[in-house]
């Protein structure tokens, strides 16, 4: 993955679903934008879900060579508990 940015959105103009948990996002959330292979992608997540995913990444033994989708790890490691 190349460039990545995270923006806090205080007042969304429409409704979104969290990329990680799939629940409706209401109000303040985080928009993640990244470039991979020359193409730009974005997704939106609850602030709490984003914090949990960053904790998981920080504790993961494979974080330096990770190529997996963060939502897959999130579902396997958090939602199952």
PDB file of N, CA and C in Angstrom:
ATOM      1  N   UNK A   1       0.855  -1.167   0.000  1.00  0.00           N
ATOM      2  CA  UNK A   1       0.000   0.000   0.000  1.00  0.00           C
ATOM      3  C   UNK A   1       0.897   1.225   0.000  1.00  0.00           C
ATOM      4  N   UNK A   2       0.459   2.261  -0.692  1.00  0.00           N
ATOM      5  CA  UNK A   2       1.225   3.495  -0.773  1.00  0.00           C
ATOM      6  C   UNK A   2       0.711   4.541   0.193  1.00  0.00           C
ATOM      7  N   UNK A   3       0.278   5.666  -0.321  1.00  0.00           N
ATOM      8  CA  UNK A   3      -0.207   6.800   0.465  1.00  0.00           C
ATOM      9  C   UNK A   3      -1.455   6.420   1.259  1.00  0.00           C
ATOM     10  N   UNK A   4      -1.559   6.959   2.463  1.00  0.00           N
ATOM     11  CA  UNK A   4      -2.736   6.732   3.310  1.00  0.00           C
ATOM     12  C   UNK A   4      -3.004   7.988   4.123  1.00  0.00           C
ATOM     13  N   UNK A   5      -4.272   8.367   4.238  1.00  0.00           N
ATOM     14  CA  UNK A   5      -4.639   9.493   5.096  1.00  0.00           C
ATOM     15  C   UNK A   5      -5.923   9.162   5.835  1.00  0.00           C
ATOM     16  N   UNK A   6      -6.076   9.766   7.004  1.00  0.00           N
ATOM     17  CA  UNK A   6      -7.273   9.594   7.820  1.00  0.00           C
ATOM     18  C   UNK A   6      -7.825  10.958   8.165  1.00  0.00           C
ATOM     19  N   UNK A   7      -9.112  11.142   7.956  1.00  0.00           N
ATOM     20  CA  UNK A   7      -9.767  12.417   8.217  1.00  0.00           C
ATOM     21  C   UNK A   7     -10.937  12.204   9.156  1.00  0.00           C
ATOM     22  N   UNK A   8     -11.037  13.032  10.177  1.00  0.00           N
ATOM     23  CA  UNK A   8     -12.188  12.976  11.067  1.00  0.00           C
ATOM     24  C   UNK A   8     -13.315  13.776  10.428  1.00  0.00           C
ATOM     25  N   UNK A   9     -14.457  13.130  10.270  1.00  0.00           N
ATOM     26  CA  UNK A   9     -15.635  13.771   9.693  1.00  0.00           C
ATOM     27  C   UNK A   9     -16.597  14.050  10.843  1.00  0.00           C
ATOM     28  N   UNK A  10     -16.858  15.335  11.090  1.00  0.00           N
ATOM     29  CA  UNK A  10     -17.724  15.708  12.209  1.00  0.00           C
ATOM     30  C   UNK A  10     -19.206  15.675  11.868  1.00  0.00           C
ATOM     31  N   UNK A  11     -19.556  16.075  10.660  1.00  0.00           N
ATOM     32  CA  UNK A  11     -20.961  16.142  10.269  1.00  0.00           C
ATOM     33  C   UNK A  11     -21.122  15.574   8.855  1.00  0.00           C
ATOM     34  N   UNK A  12     -21.377  14.271   8.728  1.00  0.00           N
ATOM     35  CA  UNK A  12     -21.527  13.683   7.398  1.00  0.00           C
ATOM     36  C   UNK A  12     -22.759  14.225   6.682  1.00  0.00           C
ATOM     37  N   UNK A  13     -22.660  14.302   5.368  1.00  0.00           N
ATOM     38  CA  UNK A  13     -23.760  14.833   4.572  1.00  0.00           C
ATOM     39  C   UNK A  13     -24.753  13.751   4.157  1.00  0.00           C
ATOM     40  N   UNK A  14     -24.360  12.495   4.312  1.00  0.00           N
ATOM     41  CA  UNK A  14     -25.272  11.388   4.032  1.00  0.00           C
ATOM     42  C   UNK A  14     -24.943  10.237   4.964  1.00  0.00           C
ATOM     43  N   UNK A  15     -25.692   9.155   4.868  1.00  0.00           N
ATOM     44  CA  UNK A  15     -25.483   8.019   5.757  1.00  0.00           C
ATOM     45  C   UNK A  15     -24.466   7.044   5.177  1.00  0.00           C
ATOM     46  N   UNK A  16     -23.694   6.455   6.069  1.00  0.00           N
ATOM     47  CA  UNK A  16     -22.671   5.480   5.689  1.00  0.00           C
ATOM     48  C   UNK A  16     -22.749   4.287   6.616  1.00  0.00           C
ATOM     49  N   UNK A  17     -22.182   3.200   6.179  1.00  0.00           N
ATOM     50  CA  UNK A  17     -22.016   2.013   7.014  1.00  0.00           C
ATOM     51  C   UNK A  17     -20.537   1.866   7.336  1.00  0.00           C
ATOM     52  N   UNK A  18     -20.255   1.427   8.541  1.00  0.00           N
ATOM     53  CA  UNK A  18     -18.885   1.219   8.973  1.00  0.00           C
ATOM     54  C   UNK A  18     -18.276   0.057   8.190  1.00  0.00           C
ATOM     55  N   UNK A  19     -17.124   0.281   7.619  1.00  0.00           N
ATOM     56  CA  UNK A  19     -16.414  -0.729   6.846  1.00  0.00           C
ATOM     57  C   UNK A  19     -16.019  -1.923   7.714  1.00  0.00           C
ATOM     58  N   UNK A  20     -15.818  -1.689   9.005  1.00  0.00           N
ATOM     59  CA  UNK A  20     -15.354  -2.756   9.882  1.00  0.00           C
ATOM     60  C   UNK A  20     -16.483  -3.561  10.505  1.00  0.00           C
ATOM     61  N   UNK A  21     -17.440  -2.902  11.128  1.00  0.00           N
ATOM     62  CA  UNK A  21     -18.500  -3.644  11.820  1.00  0.00           C
ATOM     63  C   UNK A  21     -19.789  -3.766  11.010  1.00  0.00           C
ATOM     64  N   UNK A  22     -19.948  -2.940   9.982  1.00  0.00           N
ATOM     65  CA  UNK A  22     -21.139  -3.008   9.139  1.00  0.00           C
ATOM     66  C   UNK A  22     -22.338  -2.255   9.668  1.00  0.00           C
ATOM     67  N   UNK A  23     -22.223  -1.678  10.857  1.00  0.00           N
ATOM     68  CA  UNK A  23     -23.324  -0.921  11.446  1.00  0.00           C
ATOM     69  C   UNK A  23     -23.418   0.471  10.829  1.00  0.00           C
ATOM     70  N   UNK A  24     -24.594   1.075  10.959  1.00  0.00           N
ATOM     71  CA  UNK A  24     -24.837   2.429  10.472  1.00  0.00           C
ATOM     72  C   UNK A  24     -23.942   3.425  11.206  1.00  0.00           C
ATOM     73  N   UNK A  25     -23.373   4.368  10.495  1.00  0.00           N
ATOM     74  CA  UNK A  25     -22.577   5.432  11.109  1.00  0.00           C
ATOM     75  C   UNK A  25     -23.470   6.646  11.296  1.00  0.00           C
ATOM     76  N   UNK A  26     -23.491   7.151  12.510  1.00  0.00           N
ATOM     77  CA  UNK A  26     -24.262   8.351  12.795  1.00  0.00           C
ATOM     78  C   UNK A  26     -23.336   9.365  13.443  1.00  0.00           C
ATOM     79  N   UNK A  27     -23.154  10.474  12.811  1.00  0.00           N
ATOM     80  CA  UNK A  27     -22.316  11.530  13.382  1.00  0.00           C
ATOM     81  C   UNK A  27     -20.832  11.346  13.100  1.00  0.00           C
ATOM     82  N   UNK A  28     -20.041  11.787  14.033  1.00  0.00           N
ATOM     83  CA  UNK A  28     -18.589  11.833  13.901  1.00  0.00           C
ATOM     84  C   UNK A  28     -18.010  10.444  13.598  1.00  0.00           C
ATOM     85  N   UNK A  29     -17.131  10.390  12.590  1.00  0.00           N
ATOM     86  CA  UNK A  29     -16.487   9.137  12.212  1.00  0.00           C
ATOM     87  C   UNK A  29     -15.172   9.432  11.488  1.00  0.00           C
ATOM     88  N   UNK A  30     -14.505   8.394  11.031  1.00  0.00           N
ATOM     89  CA  UNK A  30     -13.222   8.559  10.359  1.00  0.00           C
ATOM     90  C   UNK A  30     -13.317   8.055   8.925  1.00  0.00           C
ATOM     91  N   UNK A  31     -12.825   8.885   8.003  1.00  0.00           N
ATOM     92  CA  UNK A  31     -12.729   8.500   6.599  1.00  0.00           C
ATOM     93  C   UNK A  31     -11.267   8.168   6.320  1.00  0.00           C
ATOM     94  N   UNK A  32     -11.035   6.966   5.823  1.00  0.00           N
ATOM     95  CA  UNK A  32      -9.687   6.523   5.494  1.00  0.00           C
ATOM     96  C   UNK A  32      -9.560   6.492   3.972  1.00  0.00           C
ATOM     97  N   UNK A  33      -8.525   7.142   3.474  1.00  0.00           N
ATOM     98  CA  UNK A  33      -8.236   7.155   2.035  1.00  0.00           C
ATOM     99  C   UNK A  33      -6.846   6.573   1.843  1.00  0.00           C
ATOM    100  N   UNK A  34      -6.709   5.709   0.838  1.00  0.00           N
ATOM    101  CA  UNK A  34      -5.387   5.154   0.553  1.00  0.00           C
ATOM    102  C   UNK A  34      -5.232   4.893  -0.938  1.00  0.00           C
ATOM    103  N   UNK A  35      -3.985   4.822  -1.363  1.00  0.00           N
ATOM    104  CA  UNK A  35      -3.657   4.539  -2.756  1.00  0.00           C
ATOM    105  C   UNK A  35      -2.924   3.210  -2.786  1.00  0.00           C
ATOM    106  N   UNK A  36      -3.380   2.321  -3.649  1.00  0.00           N
ATOM    107  CA  UNK A  36      -2.758   1.013  -3.801  1.00  0.00           C
ATOM    108  C   UNK A  36      -2.711   0.682  -5.282  1.00  0.00           C
ATOM    109  N   UNK A  37      -1.529   0.439  -5.792  1.00  0.00           N
ATOM    110  CA  UNK A  37      -1.391   0.113  -7.204  1.00  0.00           C
ATOM    111  C   UNK A  37      -1.804   1.246  -8.123  1.00  0.00           C
ATOM    112  N   UNK A  38      -1.646   2.482  -7.652  1.00  0.00           N
ATOM    113  CA  UNK A  38      -1.990   3.641  -8.461  1.00  0.00           C
ATOM    114  C   UNK A  38      -3.460   4.025  -8.441  1.00  0.00           C
ATOM    115  N   UNK A  39      -4.291   3.276  -7.717  1.00  0.00           N
ATOM    116  CA  UNK A  39      -5.722   3.587  -7.622  1.00  0.00           C
ATOM    117  C   UNK A  39      -6.057   4.038  -6.211  1.00  0.00           C
ATOM    118  N   UNK A  40      -6.979   4.988  -6.100  1.00  0.00           N
ATOM    119  CA  UNK A  40      -7.408   5.503  -4.815  1.00  0.00           C
ATOM    120  C   UNK A  40      -8.649   4.795  -4.302  1.00  0.00           C
ATOM    121  N   UNK A  41      -8.678   4.531  -3.009  1.00  0.00           N
ATOM    122  CA  UNK A  41      -9.807   3.871  -2.361  1.00  0.00           C
ATOM    123  C   UNK A  41     -10.113   4.598  -1.064  1.00  0.00           C
ATOM    124  N   UNK A  42     -11.345   4.506  -0.608  1.00  0.00           N
ATOM    125  CA  UNK A  42     -11.679   5.089   0.691  1.00  0.00           C
ATOM    126  C   UNK A  42     -12.755   4.247   1.362  1.00  0.00           C
ATOM    127  N   UNK A  43     -12.787   4.353   2.678  1.00  0.00           N
ATOM    128  CA  UNK A  43     -13.852   3.725   3.455  1.00  0.00           C
ATOM    129  C   UNK A  43     -14.053   4.538   4.717  1.00  0.00           C
ATOM    130  N   UNK A  44     -15.159   4.310   5.391  1.00  0.00           N
ATOM    131  CA  UNK A  44     -15.505   5.061   6.596  1.00  0.00           C
ATOM    132  C   UNK A  44     -15.740   4.092   7.737  1.00  0.00           C
ATOM    133  N   UNK A  45     -15.316   4.509   8.929  1.00  0.00           N
ATOM    134  CA  UNK A  45     -15.422   3.651  10.102  1.00  0.00           C
ATOM    135  C   UNK A  45     -15.805   4.465  11.333  1.00  0.00           C
ATOM    136  N   UNK A  46     -16.466   3.795  12.282  1.00  0.00           N
ATOM    137  CA  UNK A  46     -16.701   4.419  13.578  1.00  0.00           C
ATOM    138  C   UNK A  46     -15.355   4.701  14.225  1.00  0.00           C
ATOM    139  N   UNK A  47     -15.307   5.738  15.035  1.00  0.00           N
ATOM    140  CA  UNK A  47     -14.067   6.071  15.738  1.00  0.00           C
ATOM    141  C   UNK A  47     -13.641   4.910  16.637  1.00  0.00           C
ATOM    142  N   UNK A  48     -14.587   4.307  17.349  1.00  0.00           N
ATOM    143  CA  UNK A  48     -14.287   3.197  18.239  1.00  0.00           C
ATOM    144  C   UNK A  48     -13.757   1.987  17.469  1.00  0.00           C
ATOM    145  N   UNK A  49     -14.366   1.662  16.340  1.00  0.00           N
ATOM    146  CA  UNK A  49     -13.917   0.525  15.526  1.00  0.00           C
ATOM    147  C   UNK A  49     -12.504   0.775  15.000  1.00  0.00           C
ATOM    148  N   UNK A  50     -12.240   2.006  14.597  1.00  0.00           N
ATOM    149  CA  UNK A  50     -10.916   2.357  14.100  1.00  0.00           C
ATOM    150  C   UNK A  50      -9.868   2.191  15.205  1.00  0.00           C
ATOM    151  N   UNK A  51     -10.185   2.658  16.406  1.00  0.00           N
ATOM    152  CA  UNK A  51      -9.258   2.527  17.530  1.00  0.00           C
ATOM    153  C   UNK A  51      -8.980   1.060  17.845  1.00  0.00           C
ATOM    154  N   UNK A  52     -10.019   0.221  17.844  1.00  0.00           N
ATOM    155  CA  UNK A  52      -9.855  -1.206  18.089  1.00  0.00           C
ATOM    156  C   UNK A  52      -8.988  -1.854  17.016  1.00  0.00           C
ATOM    157  N   UNK A  53      -9.211  -1.482  15.768  1.00  0.00           N
ATOM    158  CA  UNK A  53      -8.423  -2.083  14.684  1.00  0.00           C
ATOM    159  C   UNK A  53      -6.953  -1.679  14.785  1.00  0.00           C
ATOM    160  N   UNK A  54      -6.679  -0.443  15.190  1.00  0.00           N
ATOM    161  CA  UNK A  54      -5.299  -0.001  15.356  1.00  0.00           C
ATOM    162  C   UNK A  54      -4.626  -0.714  16.540  1.00  0.00           C
ATOM    163  N   UNK A  55      -5.391  -0.990  17.597  1.00  0.00           N
ATOM    164  CA  UNK A  55      -4.860  -1.765  18.714  1.00  0.00           C
ATOM    165  C   UNK A  55      -4.489  -3.168  18.246  1.00  0.00           C
ATOM    166  N   UNK A  56      -5.367  -3.774  17.460  1.00  0.00           N
ATOM    167  CA  UNK A  56      -5.096  -5.121  16.942  1.00  0.00           C
ATOM    168  C   UNK A  56      -3.858  -5.119  16.058  1.00  0.00           C
ATOM    169  N   UNK A  57      -3.732  -4.135  15.197  1.00  0.00           N
ATOM    170  CA  UNK A  57      -2.567  -4.060  14.312  1.00  0.00           C
ATOM    171  C   UNK A  57      -1.288  -3.879  15.125  1.00  0.00           C
ATOM    172  N   UNK A  58      -1.355  -3.060  16.154  1.00  0.00           N
ATOM    173  CA  UNK A  58      -0.188  -2.814  16.985  1.00  0.00           C
ATOM    174  C   UNK A  58       0.268  -4.047  17.747  1.00  0.00           C
ATOM    175  N   UNK A  59      -0.666  -4.937  18.075  1.00  0.00           N
ATOM    176  CA  UNK A  59      -0.343  -6.139  18.835  1.00  0.00           C
ATOM    177  C   UNK A  59      -0.059  -7.348  17.938  1.00  0.00           C
ATOM    178  N   UNK A  60      -0.251  -7.204  16.648  1.00  0.00           N
ATOM    179  CA  UNK A  60      -0.111  -8.331  15.718  1.00  0.00           C
ATOM    180  C   UNK A  60       1.358  -8.630  15.428  1.00  0.00           C
ATOM    181  N   UNK A  61       1.702  -9.897  15.480  1.00  0.00           N
ATOM    182  CA  UNK A  61       3.079 -10.310  15.196  1.00  0.00           C
ATOM    183  C   UNK A  61       3.442 -10.155  13.717  1.00  0.00           C
ATOM    184  N   UNK A  62       2.448 -10.094  12.848  1.00  0.00           N
ATOM    185  CA  UNK A  62       2.670 -10.060  11.401  1.00  0.00           C
ATOM    186  C   UNK A  62       2.505  -8.662  10.811  1.00  0.00           C
ATOM    187  N   UNK A  63       2.439  -7.632  11.652  1.00  0.00           N
ATOM    188  CA  UNK A  63       2.096  -6.287  11.172  1.00  0.00           C
ATOM    189  C   UNK A  63       3.074  -5.713  10.152  1.00  0.00           C
ATOM    190  N   UNK A  64       4.342  -6.095  10.200  1.00  0.00           N
ATOM    191  CA  UNK A  64       5.317  -5.528   9.264  1.00  0.00           C
ATOM    192  C   UNK A  64       5.200  -6.079   7.855  1.00  0.00           C
ATOM    193  N   UNK A  65       4.575  -7.236   7.709  1.00  0.00           N
ATOM    194  CA  UNK A  65       4.435  -7.822   6.380  1.00  0.00           C
ATOM    195  C   UNK A  65       2.976  -8.102   6.037  1.00  0.00           C
ATOM    196  N   UNK A  66       2.072  -7.474   6.743  1.00  0.00           N
ATOM    197  CA  UNK A  66       0.639  -7.714   6.551  1.00  0.00           C
ATOM    198  C   UNK A  66       0.172  -7.227   5.184  1.00  0.00           C
ATOM    199  N   UNK A  67      -0.569  -8.058   4.503  1.00  0.00           N
ATOM    200  CA  UNK A  67      -1.166  -7.680   3.217  1.00  0.00           C
ATOM    201  C   UNK A  67      -2.660  -7.964   3.216  1.00  0.00           C
ATOM    202  N   UNK A  68      -3.220  -8.255   4.381  1.00  0.00           N
ATOM    203  CA  UNK A  68      -4.625  -8.630   4.459  1.00  0.00           C
ATOM    204  C   UNK A  68      -5.523  -7.420   4.642  1.00  0.00           C
ATOM    205  N   UNK A  69      -6.769  -7.623   4.372  1.00  0.00           N
ATOM    206  CA  UNK A  69      -7.800  -6.614   4.548  1.00  0.00           C
ATOM    207  C   UNK A  69      -8.062  -6.449   6.046  1.00  0.00           C
ATOM    208  N   UNK A  70      -7.981  -5.232   6.558  1.00  0.00           N
ATOM    209  CA  UNK A  70      -8.173  -4.982   7.986  1.00  0.00           C
ATOM    210  C   UNK A  70      -9.543  -5.450   8.461  1.00  0.00           C
ATOM    211  N   UNK A  71     -10.550  -5.406   7.611  1.00  0.00           N
ATOM    212  CA  UNK A  71     -11.880  -5.848   8.044  1.00  0.00           C
ATOM    213  C   UNK A  71     -11.890  -7.344   8.325  1.00  0.00           C
ATOM    214  N   UNK A  72     -11.102  -8.125   7.601  1.00  0.00           N
ATOM    215  CA  UNK A  72     -11.017  -9.560   7.839  1.00  0.00           C
ATOM    216  C   UNK A  72     -10.438  -9.833   9.230  1.00  0.00           C
ATOM    217  N   UNK A  73      -9.346  -9.162   9.558  1.00  0.00           N
ATOM    218  CA  UNK A  73      -8.736  -9.308  10.885  1.00  0.00           C
ATOM    219  C   UNK A  73      -9.687  -8.844  11.972  1.00  0.00           C
ATOM    220  N   UNK A  74     -10.366  -7.735  11.734  1.00  0.00           N
ATOM    221  CA  UNK A  74     -11.308  -7.178  12.703  1.00  0.00           C
ATOM    222  C   UNK A  74     -12.395  -8.195  13.020  1.00  0.00           C
ATOM    223  N   UNK A  75     -12.969  -8.809  12.004  1.00  0.00           N
ATOM    224  CA  UNK A  75     -14.043  -9.780  12.214  1.00  0.00           C
ATOM    225  C   UNK A  75     -13.533 -11.036  12.911  1.00  0.00           C
ATOM    226  N   UNK A  76     -12.364 -11.503  12.547  1.00  0.00           N
ATOM    227  CA  UNK A  76     -11.815 -12.713  13.172  1.00  0.00           C
ATOM    228  C   UNK A  76     -11.419 -12.482  14.617  1.00  0.00           C
ATOM    229  N   UNK A  77     -10.857 -11.331  14.923  1.00  0.00           N
ATOM    230  CA  UNK A  77     -10.298 -11.091  16.249  1.00  0.00           C
ATOM    231  C   UNK A  77     -11.216 -10.357  17.226  1.00  0.00           C
ATOM    232  N   UNK A  78     -12.164  -9.587  16.752  1.00  0.00           N
ATOM    233  CA  UNK A  78     -12.987  -8.831  17.673  1.00  0.00           C
ATOM    234  C   UNK A  78     -14.428  -9.303  17.682  1.00  0.00           C
ATOM    235  N   UNK A  79     -15.024  -9.389  16.524  1.00  0.00           N
ATOM    236  CA  UNK A  79     -16.450  -9.722  16.440  1.00  0.00           C
ATOM    237  C   UNK A  79     -16.735 -11.118  16.982  1.00  0.00           C
ATOM    238  N   UNK A  80     -15.765 -12.020  16.881  1.00  0.00           N
ATOM    239  CA  UNK A  80     -15.972 -13.391  17.341  1.00  0.00           C
ATOM    240  C   UNK A  80     -15.947 -13.504  18.871  1.00  0.00           C
ATOM    241  N   UNK A  81     -15.486 -12.471  19.565  1.00  0.00           N
ATOM    242  CA  UNK A  81     -15.367 -12.527  21.034  1.00  0.00           C
ATOM    243  C   UNK A  81     -16.593 -11.987  21.712  1.00  0.00           C
TER     244      UNK A  81
END
